[in-house]
Every structure is written in structure tokens, then in C-alpha cells.
Amino acid sequence: IVLLDIGFTITAALKMASNTMLAAQPVAPTRVCNAHQLRSARCPAPFSSGHRSPTRVEAQQQGRNSQPVGEAAPLSMDRRTMLASTLAAAAALNMQLPSAAQAASGDLASQEWEKVDLPIDPTIVLLDIGFTGTDPKHGFLLGSRQTLLETKDGGKTWEPRVVEAALDDAGINYRFTSISFSGDEGWIVGKPAILLHTTNGGTTWERVPLSAKLPGDPVFVHGNGSGSAEMATSEGGLYVTDNAAQSWKAAVQETVDATLNRTVSSGISGASYYEGSFSQIARSSDGSYVAVSSRGNFYLTWAPGQTFWQPHNRPVARRLQNMGWTPDNKLWVSTRGGDVFVSPETGVSEKFDNRNIPSRGFGILDVGFKDSATAYACGGSGSLFKSTDGGASWKRDKATDNGVAGNLYAVKFSESGAGFVLGNDAILLRSLG
């Protein structure tokens, strides 16, 4: 029989089952991001006040005044009595203990998510995750400082990979921002401008030269297979290739700042304050794009066949945080005030309906759809929400409020339905379903 730490509830039950007092083991303090770590997150949002990490001195003092973690507390009953009392208390409370396999694979953040331990520095910012099209358990995780991790068990464990092609530029730490696979052909882009290509499922990566005149840095890549891919830059450049990046063709004739200067008199609010870069960009299943301006004043769309980005006024009073597409190609919007809106129309639209979400004022940083019915939204201070009706209504996962000490800023689902949530402090949550 394997005894697991089930916390205060079992301890209280044991006290009720017998009058014997058990010595409680110390609980590690909850770790909350400091100001520097908040700034390192891609989409920072406020934390609840009143929580902070212990200082180094305080942590050392706690270590001296408490029993070392991992050492069994002295018991006033023998092991046989302890086992019997624990099992009896659990049965009486009708509680479900996590399996040994779950305990070994990671800490449970909630009933649906577990925290995955990563072999990286916690200050590294995780930016994207992708799986090959031939093996749903084989994938890669990207981040700052040229971070590339590989998994072959569906994201339960990760191992660091070194991309030799990225080491040619001494002194440059690339920020890998986007990854995409079609079958075993994969693409990675990053900042400063870098493009990596593989045809063998990531066993080897080849660096593909990019023009020094590229407007902005590559921020998004989508692979279509057989050497075909699409790439977007931070300043609105959009390019396509059908020969494995030997050459690229521009899909738009000008960058976004040029488009806005040309259309500034058309009534686009905030266009004169545009800084020339996207804060977010997303692609729909039919090849359309939506991007949020760097200040969140307005958004832009592009559809296949168009030669320019199309600017749109933001549909709500609050500034935009992020935008994306539902599985049935409807636009959704999240705001910096913690709202979620979904368009009732398919394709590009300026009409949105408010979907009440109990965000408590924290900004909603991303929304991800597992399928047409199930969706998740994430935000500051470990906020995680679930919808089972296509985003019409939302319910907060209260367990992650205390179990996840950090901002959650990206929700990703693989084609096989495996879900992951990325957060600062190198937080990675993996769905258990």
C-alpha cells in the first residue's frame, strides 16, 4: 500500500477516528511571481494582492525551524494502525486518492490538469508547443534563450534539445516563438529572425536563410506539408512558400503601418498611435488571419486572395488582449479587463456577443478550443476557466487559483486533443483527460 499526502482533510479525519495526534509535516510556501518575473511573461496580468514569495532569508529560516521535507514525522501509533486509520478515514469521507502513476507524473493542479516538471530555468518564458503529425505523443516545446524541449510520451516528460544550426551566431540567444508540423515536416521561427526546418520529425533541424530586409521578426509559422508553409512577421509581413523555403512570395503588398498611414482617415480609432507591431496573431482553419495591434486599440484581418491587411475598430470599450478563431471559424475576443466575446457570424466580423466569464477583473490572456463544445480560457494569478457549450458560458477552475502560482497566458490543443497551458515561471499544465 502506498501512502500519499492528502493534507488537512485526512489529518482531521484521523483526529476524529482516534484521539491520537499526528505530527504534521511542513507545507512548502506557495510561490508567487515577483515583479521581475511578471515582466518576463508574454502577456502580464496582475496578481491578487496579499500574496508574495518568501525571501531567501525567510525560506532558510523556515528550513531551520521546520522538519525537512521528505522525512517522516514521528507517529504516536504504529504503522499498521496508521494504515488502517488512513484507509478507514478515506472511506468514511468517500474521497478519491490520486493514483501512484499520477503522483509520479506530476503534481495535480486540479481534477483536469497536472503540473509538469521541466528541466529548465524558471525564468525562461515558454512560447509555443507542437506535435508531429505522425506520432501524437512526439512533440516539442519552445521558449526564450533558444529553449527547445522534446517529448515522446505525450508531454509527461521532457528532455532538452540543442539545435546546432542556431549556435552558428555566437552570443545570440534566440527566442523561439512558433512551431508547426504537417506529418514529419516541421518549422520553427524566432527572434532575432531565424527559420528552422525539419523533414524527419525533428530528429535534425536545418537553418533556412532569411532576407535581412524582412520587415520585423518572424512571429508565426504554419506548415501545410510537402514543402509548403506560411510565415508572418511582427510588422505584418505575410509570406508563403511551396518549395521548402527556397523562395518566398509576399501575400500582402505592404506592412501594416503603411496600410494604416494610407487608411488613417477611414475612421480606425487609435491608428495614429500604432507602434508598428502585432501583439497577437492567429490563423483559422481556412487560412484567414486575425491580429491584435500592439496597444490593443484595434484589430486587423486578412483572408486568402486579399492583398492588404484590413483594419477594424475594436468592438468593445476595453482594449483588446487577444483574438482567435473557434473550430467553426468564428472570431473570439478577450479584453484586458477580463471579458470574452464571441462573434455569432462565421468568418471576419465586427459583431460580437459578450460571454459572461467570472474573471474577477483579471485579464483573459488566451482562449483555446479542444472541440466545438469544449473550450478553456486562462489569465492572471493562475486563473483557468472551462466552457462546455462552445464559449457561451464559463466556470472557473478554483483549484488552480491556489495550486498554480503564476500567470497563465496560452492554451494549446494538439490535433489528437491533448491540452496544455503555458505560464510564466516555466509553468506547464497538461490535461489529464
Foldseek 3Di string as FASTA:
>chain_A
DDDDPPPDQLQVLLCVVDVFHFDDADDDDFAFDDPVLQVLELFHWDADPPDHDDDPVVVVVVPVVGDDPPDGGDGPDDPVVVVVSSVVSCVVVVDDDDDPVLVVLADDLFPWKGWADAPDFLSWAWADKAFAPVQQQWIWTFTWQGWIWIGNGNPSYIDTDDAVQVPPDPPDRWGWHEKEYDHLWIWIATPPTWIWIDNHNPPHIDTDDDDPPPQAHWRYKYDPDQLWIWTAHFQGWIWIDNHNPPDIDTQADDTPLVVCVVCVVVPAPPNVVFPRGFSDKEAAPQGKIKTATPFQQWIWIDDRPDHHIHIDGQLDPAGWQYWYAANQQWIWTWGQQGWIWTAPDHHDDSDTDTADDPRVRFTFQDKDALHQAWIWIFTFQQWIWIGRGRRNYIDTRVSRNRSPRFGWHDWDAYPVSWIWITTRSRIIMTTPD
